[in-house]
Amino acid sequence: MKSAKMSAIILAVAAAGVVSMSAARADEAQARSLLKAMSDYLGAQKTISFEYDTNLDIVNTQQQKIGLASSGTLTLERPDKLHATRTGGFANVEMVFDGKTLSLLGKNANLYAQVDAPGTIDHLVDELRDKYHRPVPAADLLMSDPYKELMPQVTDVKDVGSGVIRGIECDHLAFRTKEVDWQIWIAQGAQPYPCRYVITSKKVRGSPEYTLDIRAWKAGGEVASDAFKPEIPPGARKLTPGQIPDLDDIPGIFKAKGAK
């Protein structure tokens, strides 16, 4: 009798384990499918525009976490047009790309820089990251195939369930890599655009986060026309390509002494 009871317990535990593992695999498959659907939708849009808010965590030497908030707008026309603005507490920046030249304007400092970068938006993002070491925050979402950019280093995938952001019901997905954890909330329905994107740096003390909230989403014929031409104010001082400013919002007072 004891042997029979023990066998039954072992079988029950084994069955529960199979159910749990199957559910986990189903959740992972569903999460991958939802992210792929978002990627396909974004890549298929010829024109996109939206407004956004960001919060960038800084961890100081006293291990105090401080959030730097900014807001902006973005208009994109595939394959090679981009116009973005960002206003924060320390900078007022405008970025315009017309398929040939990238123009960066620091409106608060009356500075600008221009770089020859003929090609697509994908090429521009790679150039800024690899050549000038100025990565565009959350640029993976602007690429022609976000899924390809986001997934290669992912080691864990979860479908967290439903969430609501500014009244919009979203699918909430969570992913892990060796360096960062990231989450994304994708609007449910015919326009599966990203409503929120959060990146957590696991290798940095204090685990700072970068949060991007997207609102006023428009695509296709809803997008207002844009000339994608920079308006450089009279008297603005031109920087060399090597002096391209940071594209995030980290002012000098928060940078480590001697850091570049």
Protein backbone atom coordinates (compact mmCIF):
# COMPACT_ATOMS: atom_id res chain seq x y z
CA MET A 1 0.00 0.00 0.00
CA LYS A 2 2.79 2.40 0.88
CA SER A 3 4.51 1.60 -2.40
CA ALA A 4 1.30 2.19 -4.34
CA LYS A 5 0.70 5.52 -2.61
CA MET A 6 4.26 6.65 -3.26
CA SER A 7 3.94 5.70 -6.94
CA ALA A 8 0.72 7.69 -7.20
CA ILE A 9 2.39 10.73 -5.63
CA ILE A 10 5.37 10.47 -8.00
CA LEU A 11 3.05 10.20 -11.00
CA ALA A 12 1.01 13.20 -9.83
CA VAL A 13 4.12 15.33 -9.35
CA ALA A 14 5.46 14.26 -12.74
CA ALA A 15 2.15 15.10 -14.41
CA ALA A 16 2.10 18.53 -12.75
CA GLY A 17 5.63 19.13 -13.99
CA VAL A 18 4.63 18.24 -17.55
CA VAL A 19 1.66 20.61 -17.40
CA SER A 20 3.82 23.40 -15.99
CA MET A 21 6.51 22.96 -18.64
CA SER A 22 3.94 22.77 -21.44
CA ALA A 23 2.32 25.98 -20.21
CA ALA A 24 5.70 27.69 -20.09
CA ARG A 25 6.48 26.63 -23.64
CA ALA A 26 3.05 27.84 -24.76
CA ASP A 27 3.61 31.20 -23.04
CA GLU A 28 7.01 31.55 -24.72
CA ALA A 29 5.61 30.67 -28.13
CA GLN A 30 2.75 33.13 -27.66
CA ALA A 31 5.15 35.89 -26.56
CA ARG A 32 7.40 35.32 -29.57
CA SER A 33 4.35 35.32 -31.85
CA LEU A 34 3.04 38.60 -30.41
CA LEU A 35 6.44 40.28 -30.73
CA LYS A 36 6.80 39.02 -34.31
CA ALA A 37 3.34 40.40 -35.17
CA MET A 38 4.36 43.81 -33.77
CA SER A 39 7.62 43.69 -35.74
CA ASP A 40 5.83 42.79 -38.98
CA TYR A 41 3.31 45.59 -38.44
CA LEU A 42 6.00 48.21 -37.74
CA GLY A 43 8.15 47.13 -40.68
CA ALA A 44 5.18 47.28 -43.05
CA GLN A 45 4.34 50.92 -42.24
CA LYS A 46 5.73 53.36 -44.78
CA THR A 47 5.09 56.33 -42.49
CA ILE A 48 4.85 56.51 -38.70
CA SER A 49 4.57 59.33 -36.20
CA PHE A 50 4.16 59.45 -32.45
CA GLU A 51 4.82 61.45 -29.31
CA TYR A 52 6.83 59.97 -26.46
CA ASP A 53 7.98 60.38 -22.89
CA THR A 54 11.18 58.86 -21.52
CA ASN A 55 12.70 58.31 -18.11
CA LEU A 56 16.41 57.53 -17.84
CA ASP A 57 17.75 56.32 -14.47
CA ILE A 58 21.10 57.56 -13.22
CA VAL A 59 22.75 55.90 -10.19
CA ASN A 60 25.14 58.27 -8.42
CA THR A 61 28.17 57.42 -6.30
CA GLN A 62 25.96 57.32 -3.19
CA GLN A 63 23.83 54.64 -4.91
CA GLN A 64 20.91 57.04 -5.20
CA LYS A 65 18.77 56.41 -8.26
CA ILE A 66 17.64 59.58 -10.04
CA GLY A 67 15.28 59.67 -13.02
CA LEU A 68 15.80 62.14 -15.87
CA ALA A 69 12.57 62.82 -17.75
CA SER A 70 12.17 64.08 -21.30
CA SER A 71 9.51 64.23 -24.01
CA GLY A 72 9.56 64.44 -27.77
CA THR A 73 8.12 63.58 -31.15
CA LEU A 74 9.15 61.34 -34.01
CA THR A 75 8.15 61.09 -37.66
CA LEU A 76 9.53 58.30 -39.83
CA GLU A 77 9.21 57.66 -43.56
CA ARG A 78 10.72 54.43 -44.80
CA PRO A 79 13.26 53.68 -45.98
CA ASP A 80 15.38 56.77 -45.36
CA LYS A 81 13.65 59.72 -43.68
CA LEU A 82 13.56 60.54 -39.96
CA HIS A 83 12.69 63.62 -37.90
CA ALA A 84 12.87 63.49 -34.10
CA THR A 85 12.78 66.04 -31.30
CA ARG A 86 13.54 65.65 -27.61
CA THR A 87 13.18 68.20 -24.83
CA GLY A 88 14.49 67.44 -21.36
CA GLY A 89 15.64 69.34 -18.32
CA PHE A 90 19.13 69.76 -19.75
CA ALA A 91 18.77 69.66 -23.53
CA ASN A 92 16.52 70.62 -26.43
CA VAL A 93 17.61 68.46 -29.37
CA GLU A 94 16.35 67.99 -32.92
CA MET A 95 17.52 65.25 -35.30
CA VAL A 96 16.72 65.27 -39.04
CA PHE A 97 17.77 62.65 -41.58
CA ASP A 98 16.91 63.11 -45.28
CA GLY A 99 18.47 59.93 -46.65
CA LYS A 100 21.86 61.54 -47.25
CA THR A 101 22.75 63.79 -44.32
CA LEU A 102 22.07 63.57 -40.60
CA SER A 103 21.63 66.97 -38.92
CA LEU A 104 21.68 67.33 -35.14
CA LEU A 105 20.63 70.64 -33.58
CA GLY A 106 21.21 71.59 -29.97
CA LYS A 107 18.64 74.37 -29.72
CA ASN A 108 19.40 75.35 -26.16
CA ALA A 109 23.14 75.68 -26.92
CA ASN A 110 22.73 77.04 -30.49
CA LEU A 111 24.98 74.29 -31.87
CA TYR A 112 24.58 71.90 -34.76
CA ALA A 113 26.44 69.05 -36.42
CA GLN A 114 25.99 67.40 -39.82
CA VAL A 115 27.22 63.99 -40.91
CA ASP A 116 27.15 62.39 -44.34
CA ALA A 117 25.36 59.06 -43.88
CA PRO A 118 23.67 58.10 -47.15
CA GLY A 119 21.47 55.05 -46.86
CA THR A 120 18.50 53.73 -44.96
CA ILE A 121 17.35 54.36 -41.41
CA ASP A 122 18.80 50.96 -40.49
CA HIS A 123 22.18 52.06 -41.85
CA LEU A 124 21.98 55.37 -39.96
CA VAL A 125 21.32 53.63 -36.63
CA ASP A 126 24.28 51.30 -37.21
CA GLU A 127 26.55 54.22 -38.17
CA LEU A 128 25.68 56.21 -35.06
CA ARG A 129 26.24 53.21 -32.80
CA ASP A 130 29.35 51.68 -34.39
CA LYS A 131 31.21 54.64 -35.92
CA TYR A 132 30.31 57.55 -33.66
CA HIS A 133 29.42 55.60 -30.49
CA ARG A 134 26.18 57.53 -30.18
CA PRO A 135 23.44 54.89 -30.00
CA VAL A 136 19.87 56.14 -30.42
CA PRO A 137 17.82 55.05 -27.37
CA ALA A 138 15.26 52.34 -28.25
CA ALA A 139 16.34 52.50 -31.90
CA ASP A 140 15.61 48.78 -32.34
CA LEU A 141 11.92 49.68 -32.59
CA LEU A 142 12.63 51.98 -35.56
CA MET A 143 14.42 49.35 -37.64
CA SER A 144 12.79 47.61 -40.59
CA ASP A 145 12.79 44.28 -38.69
CA PRO A 146 12.65 44.91 -34.91
CA TYR A 147 12.27 41.19 -34.17
CA LYS A 148 15.64 40.45 -35.77
CA GLU A 149 17.27 43.23 -33.74
CA LEU A 150 15.70 42.35 -30.40
CA MET A 151 15.77 38.57 -30.20
CA PRO A 152 19.26 37.17 -30.98
CA GLN A 153 20.61 37.42 -27.40
CA VAL A 154 17.37 36.59 -25.58
CA THR A 155 17.67 33.69 -23.12
CA ASP A 156 14.23 33.79 -21.48
CA VAL A 157 10.78 34.76 -22.77
CA LYS A 158 7.54 35.30 -20.85
CA ASP A 159 4.00 36.28 -21.76
CA VAL A 160 3.03 38.19 -18.60
CA GLY A 161 -0.58 38.72 -19.66
CA SER A 162 -2.65 41.84 -20.19
CA GLY A 163 -1.88 45.40 -19.10
CA VAL A 164 -3.51 48.78 -19.64
CA ILE A 165 -1.54 51.94 -20.50
CA ARG A 166 -3.41 55.24 -20.87
CA GLY A 167 -6.62 53.29 -21.36
CA ILE A 168 -5.19 51.04 -24.11
CA GLU A 169 -5.20 47.30 -23.41
CA CYS A 170 -1.82 45.78 -24.19
CA ASP A 171 -0.06 42.42 -24.29
CA HIS A 172 2.74 42.54 -21.71
CA LEU A 173 5.87 40.56 -22.63
CA ALA A 174 9.13 40.12 -20.69
CA PHE A 175 12.54 39.05 -22.04
CA ARG A 176 15.97 38.41 -20.55
CA THR A 177 19.52 38.55 -21.92
CA LYS A 178 22.86 38.28 -20.14
CA GLU A 179 23.25 42.06 -19.97
CA VAL A 180 19.70 43.40 -19.67
CA ASP A 181 16.10 42.53 -18.94
CA TRP A 182 13.51 44.22 -21.12
CA GLN A 183 9.75 44.44 -21.22
CA ILE A 184 7.35 45.64 -23.85
CA TRP A 185 3.62 46.41 -23.82
CA ILE A 186 2.02 46.00 -27.27
CA ALA A 187 -1.39 47.48 -28.13
CA GLN A 188 -3.97 44.83 -28.84
CA GLY A 189 -5.99 45.01 -32.06
CA ALA A 190 -5.30 45.92 -35.67
CA GLN A 191 -2.41 48.28 -34.80
CA PRO A 192 -0.02 46.32 -32.55
CA TYR A 193 2.36 49.20 -31.83
CA PRO A 194 4.60 49.42 -28.74
CA CYS A 195 2.99 51.47 -25.96
CA ARG A 196 5.80 51.04 -23.44
CA TYR A 197 9.35 49.70 -23.62
CA VAL A 198 11.49 49.24 -20.49
CA ILE A 199 15.16 48.20 -20.42
CA THR A 200 16.81 47.24 -17.11
CA SER A 201 20.63 47.12 -16.94
CA LYS A 202 21.50 44.08 -14.82
CA LYS A 203 25.27 44.58 -14.92
CA VAL A 204 25.18 48.13 -13.55
CA ARG A 205 24.93 48.62 -9.79
CA GLY A 206 21.46 49.77 -8.85
CA SER A 207 19.90 48.21 -11.96
CA PRO A 208 18.99 51.52 -13.68
CA GLU A 209 16.16 51.51 -16.20
CA TYR A 210 15.32 53.31 -19.41
CA THR A 211 11.58 53.69 -20.03
CA LEU A 212 9.98 54.81 -23.29
CA ASP A 213 6.24 55.56 -23.34
CA ILE A 214 4.64 56.06 -26.76
CA ARG A 215 1.39 57.97 -27.34
CA ALA A 216 -0.53 59.69 -30.15
CA TRP A 217 0.38 56.85 -32.51
CA LYS A 218 -0.32 57.44 -36.22
CA ALA A 219 0.52 55.43 -39.33
CA GLY A 220 -0.05 55.67 -43.07
CA GLY A 221 -2.40 58.43 -44.21
CA GLU A 222 -2.86 59.70 -40.64
CA VAL A 223 0.73 61.00 -40.55
CA ALA A 224 1.18 64.71 -41.28
CA SER A 225 3.61 65.58 -44.09
CA ASP A 226 7.18 66.46 -43.17
CA ALA A 227 9.87 68.06 -45.35
CA PHE A 228 12.68 66.34 -43.42
CA LYS A 229 14.79 69.48 -43.75
CA PRO A 230 16.60 71.00 -40.76
CA GLU A 231 16.01 74.63 -39.88
CA ILE A 232 19.42 75.79 -38.68
CA PRO A 233 19.11 79.12 -36.86
CA PRO A 234 21.34 82.05 -37.88
CA GLY A 235 24.51 82.24 -35.83
CA ALA A 236 24.46 78.60 -34.76
CA ARG A 237 27.95 77.19 -34.29
CA LYS A 238 28.80 74.12 -36.37
CA LEU A 239 30.53 71.18 -34.73
CA THR A 240 32.73 68.63 -36.48
CA PRO A 241 31.33 65.10 -36.96
CA GLY A 242 33.60 63.91 -34.14
CA GLN A 243 31.88 66.33 -31.77
CA ILE A 244 28.40 64.88 -32.20
CA PRO A 245 26.69 65.30 -28.83
CA ASP A 246 25.23 62.45 -26.83
CA LEU A 247 21.73 61.55 -27.99
CA ASP A 248 20.53 60.66 -24.49
CA ASP A 249 19.89 63.18 -21.72
CA ILE A 250 22.85 62.70 -19.37
CA PRO A 251 24.22 66.13 -18.42
CA GLY A 252 27.85 66.60 -17.46
CA ILE A 253 27.07 66.96 -13.74
CA PHE A 254 26.03 63.29 -13.68
CA LYS A 255 29.04 61.88 -15.53
CA ALA A 256 31.88 60.22 -13.68
CA LYS A 257 35.00 62.33 -13.31
CA GLY A 258 37.24 61.72 -16.31
CA ALA A 259 34.54 59.77 -18.19
CA LYS A 260 33.94 60.40 -21.87
